[in-house]
Amino acid sequence: MDFFTVEFFTALISIILIDLVLAGDNAVVIALASRNLPKHLQKRAIIWGTAGAIFIRIIATIFVVWLLKVPGLLLIGGVVLVWIAYKLLTEEEEVNVAAGGSLWAAIKTIIIADAMMGLDNVLAVAGAAHGSILLVVIGLLISIPIIVFGSQLVLKLMERFPIIIYIGGGVLAWTASKMIVKEPFVADFFANEWLKYGFEIVVVAAVIGLGVMKKRATHTEATGQA
């Protein structure tokens, strides 16, 4: 992928948005893991824990970028990402993290929890990067500090403006559809540009539409039981 092109910046913006939407719980993880530490150690736990999490996530994403070049895995990854996008819109994720009693314990907890919670993020970023390792690294380096130092604001914005979640779900669904149409096994089927773009629009519309309906049905059921 050429640098400083529309495609490059579109992919970069998609990666940053994906990171912000999917990693909204990182602030909760960091706060819970370091809450028992003295104030002067909490900052160190946040910095070193986040640095370790960034390193592991970059390595994992690079590995997935390489893995997605294996025939058939783009299609599988795209289908899985469609499901992740739907879950993002319909399910409330619970975060349970034990507080660390020492600096090292807190750092270890942050890194492990981030690695376990970041599987969806890794797959989504790898798909949006279109094989560009540079995009993966730049996207993560830009978005992680925002998540760490501004994630409480991001979480509040998501609660106040739920449309942000739907935009994120749409970006995920769009990324998934682009992965699917690039799969060599089905590339001939999507050789027609109208068919390819039509498929991408249908996937995005279906994920957002089904997500909205599921959310409303859940809300109606909860209201009726209350």
Protein backbone atom coordinates (compact mmCIF):
# COMPACT_ATOMS: atom_id res chain seq x y z
CA MET A 1 0.00 0.00 0.00
CA ASP A 2 1.40 3.41 -1.01
CA PHE A 3 1.98 6.00 1.72
CA PHE A 4 -0.08 9.20 2.00
CA THR A 5 -2.84 8.00 -0.30
CA VAL A 6 -6.59 8.06 0.33
CA GLU A 7 -6.51 4.28 0.86
CA PHE A 8 -3.66 4.60 3.40
CA PHE A 9 -5.38 7.27 5.49
CA THR A 10 -8.78 5.55 5.26
CA ALA A 11 -7.22 2.35 6.61
CA LEU A 12 -5.38 4.29 9.34
CA ILE A 13 -8.56 6.06 10.48
CA SER A 14 -10.38 2.71 10.49
CA ILE A 15 -7.66 1.17 12.69
CA ILE A 16 -7.74 4.06 15.17
CA LEU A 17 -11.56 3.96 15.37
CA ILE A 18 -11.52 0.16 15.80
CA ASP A 19 -8.97 0.50 18.62
CA LEU A 20 -11.02 3.16 20.39
CA VAL A 21 -14.31 1.27 20.15
CA LEU A 22 -13.02 -2.23 20.96
CA ALA A 23 -10.54 -1.19 23.64
CA GLY A 24 -12.93 0.92 25.68
CA ASP A 25 -12.55 -1.40 28.66
CA ASN A 26 -8.78 -0.94 28.87
CA ALA A 27 -9.18 1.99 31.26
CA VAL A 28 -11.25 -0.19 33.58
CA VAL A 29 -8.59 -2.92 33.48
CA ILE A 30 -5.81 -0.46 34.29
CA ALA A 31 -7.78 1.19 37.11
CA LEU A 32 -8.74 -2.12 38.72
CA ALA A 33 -5.27 -3.66 38.40
CA SER A 34 -3.49 -0.70 39.99
CA ARG A 35 -6.06 0.48 42.53
CA ASN A 36 -4.29 -1.08 45.56
CA LEU A 37 -0.92 0.48 44.77
CA PRO A 38 0.38 3.66 46.40
CA LYS A 39 -0.24 6.76 44.31
CA HIS A 40 3.42 7.12 43.29
CA LEU A 41 3.45 3.54 41.93
CA GLN A 42 0.12 3.71 40.09
CA LYS A 43 1.58 5.88 37.32
CA ARG A 44 4.49 3.46 36.86
CA ALA A 45 2.10 0.49 36.69
CA ILE A 46 0.00 2.26 34.04
CA ILE A 47 3.04 3.22 31.92
CA TRP A 48 4.87 -0.13 32.08
CA GLY A 49 1.71 -2.21 31.91
CA THR A 50 0.53 -0.29 28.86
CA ALA A 51 3.98 -0.53 27.21
CA GLY A 52 3.96 -4.31 27.68
CA ALA A 53 0.39 -4.54 26.35
CA ILE A 54 1.32 -2.46 23.28
CA PHE A 55 4.32 -4.67 22.53
CA ILE A 56 2.34 -7.91 22.79
CA ARG A 57 -0.53 -6.50 20.73
CA ILE A 58 1.81 -5.33 17.94
CA ILE A 59 3.51 -8.76 17.79
CA ALA A 60 0.14 -10.55 17.82
CA THR A 61 -1.30 -8.29 15.11
CA ILE A 62 1.76 -8.71 12.88
CA PHE A 63 1.43 -12.48 13.29
CA VAL A 64 -2.25 -12.34 12.32
CA VAL A 65 -1.45 -10.11 9.31
CA TRP A 66 0.94 -12.83 8.13
CA LEU A 67 -1.54 -15.59 9.00
CA LEU A 68 -4.32 -13.97 6.96
CA LYS A 69 -2.20 -14.53 3.84
CA VAL A 70 -2.86 -18.28 4.16
CA PRO A 71 -5.55 -19.30 1.62
CA GLY A 72 -9.01 -19.48 3.18
CA LEU A 73 -8.21 -17.57 6.37
CA LEU A 74 -9.30 -14.19 5.01
CA LEU A 75 -12.77 -15.67 4.50
CA ILE A 76 -12.81 -17.24 7.97
CA GLY A 77 -11.43 -14.08 9.60
CA GLY A 78 -14.02 -11.96 7.80
CA VAL A 79 -16.90 -14.14 8.98
CA VAL A 80 -15.57 -14.11 12.57
CA LEU A 81 -15.22 -10.31 12.41
CA VAL A 82 -18.84 -9.97 11.25
CA TRP A 83 -19.85 -11.87 14.40
CA ILE A 84 -17.59 -9.67 16.56
CA ALA A 85 -19.20 -6.55 15.05
CA TYR A 86 -22.66 -7.91 15.85
CA LYS A 87 -21.63 -8.79 19.42
CA LEU A 88 -20.20 -5.29 19.89
CA LEU A 89 -23.64 -3.83 19.16
CA THR A 90 -25.70 -6.28 21.19
CA GLU A 91 -23.75 -7.48 24.23
CA GLU A 92 -22.55 -5.73 27.34
CA GLU A 93 -19.03 -6.87 28.20
CA GLU A 94 -18.15 -7.45 31.83
CA VAL A 95 -14.63 -6.85 33.06
CA ASN A 96 -13.43 -8.69 36.16
CA VAL A 97 -9.81 -7.99 37.06
CA ALA A 98 -8.13 -8.57 40.40
CA ALA A 99 -6.11 -5.72 41.84
CA GLY A 100 -2.36 -6.23 42.04
CA GLY A 101 -0.73 -5.96 45.45
CA SER A 102 2.68 -4.99 44.06
CA LEU A 103 3.96 -2.99 41.11
CA TRP A 104 5.00 -6.11 39.18
CA ALA A 105 1.69 -7.89 39.95
CA ALA A 106 -0.28 -4.89 38.65
CA ILE A 107 1.86 -4.66 35.48
CA LYS A 108 1.46 -8.40 34.87
CA THR A 109 -2.31 -8.19 35.38
CA ILE A 110 -2.65 -5.29 32.92
CA ILE A 111 -0.62 -7.10 30.25
CA ILE A 112 -2.40 -10.45 30.64
CA ALA A 113 -5.89 -8.91 30.80
CA ASP A 114 -5.21 -6.77 27.74
CA ALA A 115 -3.89 -9.77 25.80
CA MET A 116 -7.00 -11.81 26.65
CA MET A 117 -9.43 -8.99 25.91
CA GLY A 118 -7.64 -7.82 22.76
CA LEU A 119 -8.18 -10.84 20.48
CA ASP A 120 -11.05 -9.17 18.64
CA ASN A 121 -9.01 -5.99 18.34
CA VAL A 122 -6.03 -7.84 16.86
CA LEU A 123 -8.14 -9.53 14.19
CA ALA A 124 -9.95 -6.31 13.29
CA VAL A 125 -6.76 -4.24 13.04
CA ALA A 126 -5.06 -6.93 10.96
CA GLY A 127 -8.00 -6.93 8.54
CA ALA A 128 -8.11 -3.14 8.28
CA ALA A 129 -4.34 -2.91 7.69
CA HIS A 130 -4.56 -4.82 4.39
CA GLY A 131 -1.19 -6.48 5.01
CA SER A 132 0.66 -3.28 5.96
CA ILE A 133 2.78 -3.76 9.11
CA LEU A 134 3.50 -0.02 9.15
CA LEU A 135 -0.23 0.72 9.40
CA VAL A 136 -0.55 -1.72 12.29
CA VAL A 137 2.26 -0.06 14.25
CA ILE A 138 1.22 3.55 13.49
CA GLY A 139 -2.43 2.83 14.28
CA LEU A 140 -1.62 1.24 17.63
CA LEU A 141 0.94 3.88 18.61
CA ILE A 142 -1.62 6.63 17.94
CA SER A 143 -4.63 4.96 19.53
CA ILE A 144 -3.14 3.32 22.65
CA PRO A 145 -2.14 6.60 24.38
CA ILE A 146 -5.62 7.93 23.59
CA ILE A 147 -7.15 4.82 25.14
CA VAL A 148 -4.94 4.93 28.25
CA PHE A 149 -5.12 8.63 29.05
CA GLY A 150 -8.49 9.46 27.51
CA SER A 151 -10.43 6.24 27.75
CA GLN A 152 -12.62 7.45 30.58
CA LEU A 153 -13.68 10.29 28.29
CA VAL A 154 -14.16 7.84 25.41
CA LEU A 155 -16.33 5.60 27.60
CA LYS A 156 -18.45 8.56 28.73
CA LEU A 157 -18.85 9.72 25.14
CA MET A 158 -19.98 6.23 24.12
CA GLU A 159 -22.55 6.20 26.90
CA ARG A 160 -23.80 9.68 26.00
CA PHE A 161 -23.66 9.20 22.23
CA PRO A 162 -24.42 5.50 21.47
CA ILE A 163 -24.09 6.26 17.75
CA ILE A 164 -20.31 6.03 18.26
CA ILE A 165 -20.74 2.32 19.01
CA TYR A 166 -22.83 1.86 15.86
CA ILE A 167 -20.23 3.70 13.77
CA GLY A 168 -17.58 1.40 15.21
CA GLY A 169 -19.73 -1.65 14.48
CA GLY A 170 -20.20 -0.40 10.92
CA VAL A 171 -16.44 0.02 10.46
CA LEU A 172 -15.87 -3.51 11.78
CA ALA A 173 -18.52 -4.94 9.44
CA TRP A 174 -17.03 -3.01 6.50
CA THR A 175 -13.55 -4.32 7.36
CA ALA A 176 -14.94 -7.86 7.56
CA SER A 177 -16.69 -7.57 4.19
CA LYS A 178 -13.48 -6.28 2.55
CA MET A 179 -11.60 -9.26 3.98
CA ILE A 180 -14.18 -11.66 2.55
CA VAL A 181 -14.20 -10.18 -0.97
CA LYS A 182 -10.38 -10.30 -1.06
CA GLU A 183 -10.33 -14.04 -0.32
CA PRO A 184 -8.80 -15.75 -3.40
CA PHE A 185 -11.39 -18.55 -3.21
CA VAL A 186 -14.23 -16.09 -3.93
CA ALA A 187 -12.33 -13.34 -5.78
CA ASP A 188 -13.76 -14.36 -9.16
CA PHE A 189 -17.30 -14.11 -7.80
CA PHE A 190 -16.64 -10.52 -6.69
CA ALA A 191 -14.77 -9.50 -9.86
CA ASN A 192 -17.71 -7.24 -10.71
CA GLU A 193 -17.24 -3.93 -8.85
CA TRP A 194 -20.99 -3.38 -8.37
CA LEU A 195 -21.37 -6.83 -6.84
CA LYS A 196 -18.39 -6.31 -4.56
CA TYR A 197 -19.52 -2.92 -3.25
CA GLY A 198 -23.11 -4.13 -3.03
CA PHE A 199 -22.01 -7.04 -0.86
CA GLU A 200 -20.04 -4.71 1.44
CA ILE A 201 -23.05 -2.39 1.83
CA VAL A 202 -25.37 -5.32 2.57
CA VAL A 203 -23.03 -6.70 5.25
CA VAL A 204 -22.69 -3.31 6.98
CA ALA A 205 -26.45 -2.65 6.80
CA ALA A 206 -27.28 -6.16 8.05
CA VAL A 207 -24.94 -5.98 11.05
CA ILE A 208 -26.14 -2.53 12.12
CA GLY A 209 -29.80 -3.36 11.42
CA LEU A 210 -29.74 -6.65 13.31
CA GLY A 211 -27.78 -5.00 16.13
CA VAL A 212 -30.36 -2.24 16.50
CA MET A 213 -33.26 -4.74 16.47
CA LYS A 214 -31.56 -6.99 19.03
CA LYS A 215 -30.79 -4.02 21.28
CA ARG A 216 -34.39 -2.79 21.11
CA ALA A 217 -35.78 -6.26 21.78
CA THR A 218 -33.48 -6.66 24.82
CA HIS A 219 -34.45 -3.21 26.10
CA THR A 220 -38.17 -3.94 25.62
CA GLU A 221 -37.83 -7.27 27.43
CA ALA A 222 -35.94 -5.69 30.31
CA THR A 223 -38.50 -2.87 30.58
CA GLY A 224 -41.37 -5.35 30.56
CA GLN A 225 -39.81 -7.37 33.39
CA ALA A 226 -39.05 -4.32 35.49
